[in-house]
Amino acid sequence: MDDDDTPQPGAAKPPPTLGEGCVRRYDPDALSDEDGTEFEGAEALWQREQQSSDK
């Protein structure tokens, strides 16, 4: 890793994106565990939210 590639303290760099304007989104192929893309409880949370909105 070059000195230029070393992250600076307090500096964040967003992942690459695809698209433009309203359809702009993060490139799923560029995301990794380091980006915090894993959420093990997402399915359970979604089901709970769906059940509570059905009431």
PDB file of N, CA and C in Angstrom:
ATOM      1  N   MET A   1       0.847  -1.182   0.000  1.00  0.00           N
ATOM      2  CA  MET A   1       0.000   0.000   0.000  1.00  0.00           C
ATOM      3  C   MET A   1       0.888   1.238   0.000  1.00  0.00           C
ATOM      4  N   ASP A   2       0.619   2.139  -0.914  1.00  0.00           N
ATOM      5  CA  ASP A   2       1.365   3.394  -0.978  1.00  0.00           C
ATOM      6  C   ASP A   2       0.907   4.323   0.140  1.00  0.00           C
ATOM      7  N   ASP A   3       1.765   5.290   0.454  1.00  0.00           N
ATOM      8  CA  ASP A   3       1.384   6.274   1.459  1.00  0.00           C
ATOM      9  C   ASP A   3       0.134   7.030   1.044  1.00  0.00           C
ATOM     10  N   ASP A   4      -0.067   7.218  -0.280  1.00  0.00           N
ATOM     11  CA  ASP A   4      -1.246   7.930  -0.771  1.00  0.00           C
ATOM     12  C   ASP A   4      -2.519   7.134  -0.537  1.00  0.00           C
ATOM     13  N   ASP A   5      -2.421   5.796  -0.433  1.00  0.00           N
ATOM     14  CA  ASP A   5      -3.583   4.946  -0.244  1.00  0.00           C
ATOM     15  C   ASP A   5      -3.932   4.736   1.221  1.00  0.00           C
ATOM     16  N   THR A   6      -3.057   5.169   2.128  1.00  0.00           N
ATOM     17  CA  THR A   6      -3.293   4.983   3.552  1.00  0.00           C
ATOM     18  C   THR A   6      -4.430   5.897   3.990  1.00  0.00           C
ATOM     19  N   PRO A   7      -5.497   5.321   4.577  1.00  0.00           N
ATOM     20  CA  PRO A   7      -6.605   6.163   5.031  1.00  0.00           C
ATOM     21  C   PRO A   7      -6.150   7.146   6.107  1.00  0.00           C
ATOM     22  N   GLN A   8      -6.630   8.344   6.025  1.00  0.00           N
ATOM     23  CA  GLN A   8      -6.313   9.368   7.000  1.00  0.00           C
ATOM     24  C   GLN A   8      -7.314   9.272   8.154  1.00  0.00           C
ATOM     25  N   PRO A   9      -6.880   9.510   9.381  1.00  0.00           N
ATOM     26  CA  PRO A   9      -7.802   9.464  10.516  1.00  0.00           C
ATOM     27  C   PRO A   9      -8.970  10.432  10.316  1.00  0.00           C
ATOM     28  N   GLY A  10     -10.165   9.941  10.556  1.00  0.00           N
ATOM     29  CA  GLY A  10     -11.353  10.783  10.443  1.00  0.00           C
ATOM     30  C   GLY A  10     -11.812  11.033   9.024  1.00  0.00           C
ATOM     31  N   ALA A  11     -11.192  10.377   8.060  1.00  0.00           N
ATOM     32  CA  ALA A  11     -11.580  10.585   6.669  1.00  0.00           C
ATOM     33  C   ALA A  11     -12.308   9.343   6.162  1.00  0.00           C
ATOM     34  N   ALA A  12     -13.421   9.541   5.513  1.00  0.00           N
ATOM     35  CA  ALA A  12     -14.190   8.432   4.955  1.00  0.00           C
ATOM     36  C   ALA A  12     -14.240   8.552   3.445  1.00  0.00           C
ATOM     37  N   LYS A  13     -14.206   7.433   2.783  1.00  0.00           N
ATOM     38  CA  LYS A  13     -14.298   7.415   1.325  1.00  0.00           C
ATOM     39  C   LYS A  13     -15.473   6.504   0.951  1.00  0.00           C
ATOM     40  N   PRO A  14     -16.496   7.043   0.320  1.00  0.00           N
ATOM     41  CA  PRO A  14     -17.648   6.209  -0.026  1.00  0.00           C
ATOM     42  C   PRO A  14     -17.288   5.181  -1.088  1.00  0.00           C
ATOM     43  N   PRO A  15     -18.003   4.065  -1.112  1.00  0.00           N
ATOM     44  CA  PRO A  15     -17.741   3.058  -2.139  1.00  0.00           C
ATOM     45  C   PRO A  15     -18.159   3.574  -3.518  1.00  0.00           C
ATOM     46  N   PRO A  16     -17.666   2.949  -4.580  1.00  0.00           N
ATOM     47  CA  PRO A  16     -18.055   3.353  -5.938  1.00  0.00           C
ATOM     48  C   PRO A  16     -19.558   3.217  -6.156  1.00  0.00           C
ATOM     49  N   THR A  17     -20.076   4.029  -7.054  1.00  0.00           N
ATOM     50  CA  THR A  17     -21.512   3.999  -7.357  1.00  0.00           C
ATOM     51  C   THR A  17     -21.754   3.693  -8.826  1.00  0.00           C
ATOM     52  N   LEU A  18     -22.987   3.312  -9.097  1.00  0.00           N
ATOM     53  CA  LEU A  18     -23.455   3.080 -10.460  1.00  0.00           C
ATOM     54  C   LEU A  18     -24.638   3.997 -10.718  1.00  0.00           C
ATOM     55  N   GLY A  19     -24.865   4.355 -11.958  1.00  0.00           N
ATOM     56  CA  GLY A  19     -26.019   5.168 -12.316  1.00  0.00           C
ATOM     57  C   GLY A  19     -25.824   6.630 -11.974  1.00  0.00           C
ATOM     58  N   GLU A  20     -26.865   7.400 -12.288  1.00  0.00           N
ATOM     59  CA  GLU A  20     -26.836   8.835 -12.042  1.00  0.00           C
ATOM     60  C   GLU A  20     -28.189   9.293 -11.515  1.00  0.00           C
ATOM     61  N   GLY A  21     -28.174  10.404 -10.840  1.00  0.00           N
ATOM     62  CA  GLY A  21     -29.411  11.018 -10.371  1.00  0.00           C
ATOM     63  C   GLY A  21     -30.203  10.119  -9.440  1.00  0.00           C
ATOM     64  N   CYS A  22     -31.502   9.964  -9.734  1.00  0.00           N
ATOM     65  CA  CYS A  22     -32.409   9.200  -8.873  1.00  0.00           C
ATOM     66  C   CYS A  22     -32.097   7.711  -8.828  1.00  0.00           C
ATOM     67  N   VAL A  23     -31.410   7.200  -9.826  1.00  0.00           N
ATOM     68  CA  VAL A  23     -31.116   5.762  -9.853  1.00  0.00           C
ATOM     69  C   VAL A  23     -29.683   5.460  -9.431  1.00  0.00           C
ATOM     70  N   ARG A  24     -29.007   6.432  -8.851  1.00  0.00           N
ATOM     71  CA  ARG A  24     -27.637   6.218  -8.380  1.00  0.00           C
ATOM     72  C   ARG A  24     -27.651   5.300  -7.169  1.00  0.00           C
ATOM     73  N   ARG A  25     -26.778   4.309  -7.158  1.00  0.00           N
ATOM     74  CA  ARG A  25     -26.712   3.344  -6.065  1.00  0.00           C
ATOM     75  C   ARG A  25     -25.283   2.858  -5.919  1.00  0.00           C
ATOM     76  N   TYR A  26     -24.982   2.258  -4.766  1.00  0.00           N
ATOM     77  CA  TYR A  26     -23.649   1.695  -4.561  1.00  0.00           C
ATOM     78  C   TYR A  26     -23.469   0.485  -5.456  1.00  0.00           C
ATOM     79  N   ASP A  27     -22.267   0.313  -5.970  1.00  0.00           N
ATOM     80  CA  ASP A  27     -21.937  -0.835  -6.816  1.00  0.00           C
ATOM     81  C   ASP A  27     -21.869  -2.076  -5.926  1.00  0.00           C
ATOM     82  N   PRO A  28     -22.817  -3.020  -6.065  1.00  0.00           N
ATOM     83  CA  PRO A  28     -22.816  -4.188  -5.180  1.00  0.00           C
ATOM     84  C   PRO A  28     -21.555  -5.039  -5.319  1.00  0.00           C
ATOM     85  N   ASP A  29     -20.928  -5.038  -6.481  1.00  0.00           N
ATOM     86  CA  ASP A  29     -19.708  -5.822  -6.675  1.00  0.00           C
ATOM     87  C   ASP A  29     -18.513  -5.210  -5.949  1.00  0.00           C
ATOM     88  N   ALA A  30     -18.602  -3.930  -5.627  1.00  0.00           N
ATOM     89  CA  ALA A  30     -17.490  -3.249  -4.961  1.00  0.00           C
ATOM     90  C   ALA A  30     -17.626  -3.276  -3.437  1.00  0.00           C
ATOM     91  N   LEU A  31     -18.802  -3.682  -2.919  1.00  0.00           N
ATOM     92  CA  LEU A  31     -19.024  -3.694  -1.477  1.00  0.00           C
ATOM     93  C   LEU A  31     -18.432  -4.942  -0.841  1.00  0.00           C
ATOM     94  N   SER A  32     -17.984  -4.801   0.398  1.00  0.00           N
ATOM     95  CA  SER A  32     -17.408  -5.932   1.129  1.00  0.00           C
ATOM     96  C   SER A  32     -17.828  -5.843   2.589  1.00  0.00           C
ATOM     97  N   ASP A  33     -17.375  -6.799   3.383  1.00  0.00           N
ATOM     98  CA  ASP A  33     -17.681  -6.782   4.809  1.00  0.00           C
ATOM     99  C   ASP A  33     -17.134  -5.527   5.470  1.00  0.00           C
ATOM    100  N   GLU A  34     -16.050  -4.985   4.953  1.00  0.00           N
ATOM    101  CA  GLU A  34     -15.476  -3.763   5.516  1.00  0.00           C
ATOM    102  C   GLU A  34     -16.399  -2.561   5.353  1.00  0.00           C
ATOM    103  N   ASP A  35     -17.314  -2.633   4.386  1.00  0.00           N
ATOM    104  CA  ASP A  35     -18.259  -1.550   4.153  1.00  0.00           C
ATOM    105  C   ASP A  35     -19.497  -1.666   5.037  1.00  0.00           C
ATOM    106  N   GLY A  36     -19.568  -2.734   5.840  1.00  0.00           N
ATOM    107  CA  GLY A  36     -20.724  -2.906   6.713  1.00  0.00           C
ATOM    108  C   GLY A  36     -21.957  -3.332   5.956  1.00  0.00           C
ATOM    109  N   THR A  37     -21.787  -4.158   4.947  1.00  0.00           N
ATOM    110  CA  THR A  37     -22.921  -4.548   4.121  1.00  0.00           C
ATOM    111  C   THR A  37     -23.676  -5.758   4.656  1.00  0.00           C
ATOM    112  N   GLU A  38     -23.171  -6.400   5.685  1.00  0.00           N
ATOM    113  CA  GLU A  38     -23.837  -7.564   6.245  1.00  0.00           C
ATOM    114  C   GLU A  38     -24.793  -7.145   7.351  1.00  0.00           C
ATOM    115  N   PHE A  39     -25.999  -7.658   7.319  1.00  0.00           N
ATOM    116  CA  PHE A  39     -26.968  -7.425   8.375  1.00  0.00           C
ATOM    117  C   PHE A  39     -27.738  -8.716   8.548  1.00  0.00           C
ATOM    118  N   GLU A  40     -27.237  -9.560   9.449  1.00  0.00           N
ATOM    119  CA  GLU A  40     -27.803 -10.891   9.639  1.00  0.00           C
ATOM    120  C   GLU A  40     -29.271 -10.862  10.026  1.00  0.00           C
ATOM    121  N   GLY A  41     -29.690  -9.855  10.745  1.00  0.00           N
ATOM    122  CA  GLY A  41     -31.066  -9.802  11.222  1.00  0.00           C
ATOM    123  C   GLY A  41     -32.034  -9.129  10.275  1.00  0.00           C
ATOM    124  N   ALA A  42     -31.615  -8.832   9.057  1.00  0.00           N
ATOM    125  CA  ALA A  42     -32.470  -8.089   8.128  1.00  0.00           C
ATOM    126  C   ALA A  42     -33.765  -8.829   7.815  1.00  0.00           C
ATOM    127  N   GLU A  43     -33.678 -10.122   7.553  1.00  0.00           N
ATOM    128  CA  GLU A  43     -34.882 -10.880   7.194  1.00  0.00           C
ATOM    129  C   GLU A  43     -35.867 -10.926   8.362  1.00  0.00           C
ATOM    130  N   ALA A  44     -35.359 -11.190   9.571  1.00  0.00           N
ATOM    131  CA  ALA A  44     -36.234 -11.239  10.742  1.00  0.00           C
ATOM    132  C   ALA A  44     -36.866  -9.869  11.000  1.00  0.00           C
ATOM    133  N   LEU A  45     -36.090  -8.805  10.864  1.00  0.00           N
ATOM    134  CA  LEU A  45     -36.616  -7.457  11.052  1.00  0.00           C
ATOM    135  C   LEU A  45     -37.691  -7.158  10.022  1.00  0.00           C
ATOM    136  N   TRP A  46     -37.450  -7.514   8.776  1.00  0.00           N
ATOM    137  CA  TRP A  46     -38.428  -7.278   7.705  1.00  0.00           C
ATOM    138  C   TRP A  46     -39.736  -8.008   8.012  1.00  0.00           C
ATOM    139  N   GLN A  47     -39.650  -9.253   8.465  1.00  0.00           N
ATOM    140  CA  GLN A  47     -40.857 -10.015   8.784  1.00  0.00           C
ATOM    141  C   GLN A  47     -41.612  -9.388   9.950  1.00  0.00           C
ATOM    142  N   ARG A  48     -40.902  -8.945  10.981  1.00  0.00           N
ATOM    143  CA  ARG A  48     -41.561  -8.276  12.114  1.00  0.00           C
ATOM    144  C   ARG A  48     -42.249  -7.002  11.660  1.00  0.00           C
ATOM    145  N   GLU A  49     -41.583  -6.231  10.809  1.00  0.00           N
ATOM    146  CA  GLU A  49     -42.176  -4.983  10.321  1.00  0.00           C
ATOM    147  C   GLU A  49     -43.414  -5.269   9.477  1.00  0.00           C
ATOM    148  N   GLN A  50     -43.366  -6.292   8.673  1.00  0.00           N
ATOM    149  CA  GLN A  50     -44.526  -6.648   7.842  1.00  0.00           C
ATOM    150  C   GLN A  50     -45.698  -7.090   8.708  1.00  0.00           C
ATOM    151  N   GLN A  51     -45.418  -7.861   9.760  1.00  0.00           N
ATOM    152  CA  GLN A  51     -46.489  -8.312  10.655  1.00  0.00           C
ATOM    153  C   GLN A  51     -47.103  -7.139  11.398  1.00  0.00           C
ATOM    154  N   SER A  52     -46.277  -6.205  11.850  1.00  0.00           N
ATOM    155  CA  SER A  52     -46.811  -5.066  12.594  1.00  0.00           C
ATOM    156  C   SER A  52     -47.581  -4.106  11.679  1.00  0.00           C
ATOM    157  N   SER A  53     -47.230  -4.035  10.400  1.00  0.00           N
ATOM    158  CA  SER A  53     -47.966  -3.155   9.482  1.00  0.00           C
ATOM    159  C   SER A  53     -49.271  -3.793   9.017  1.00  0.00           C
ATOM    160  N   ASP A  54     -49.390  -5.118   9.138  1.00  0.00           N
ATOM    161  CA  ASP A  54     -50.628  -5.815   8.762  1.00  0.00           C
ATOM    162  C   ASP A  54     -51.725  -5.640   9.794  1.00  0.00           C
ATOM    163  N   LYS A  55     -51.355  -5.250  11.011  1.00  0.00           N
ATOM    164  CA  LYS A  55     -52.338  -5.131  12.099  1.00  0.00           C
ATOM    165  C   LYS A  55     -53.134  -3.876  11.994  1.00  0.00           C
TER     166      LYS A  55
END
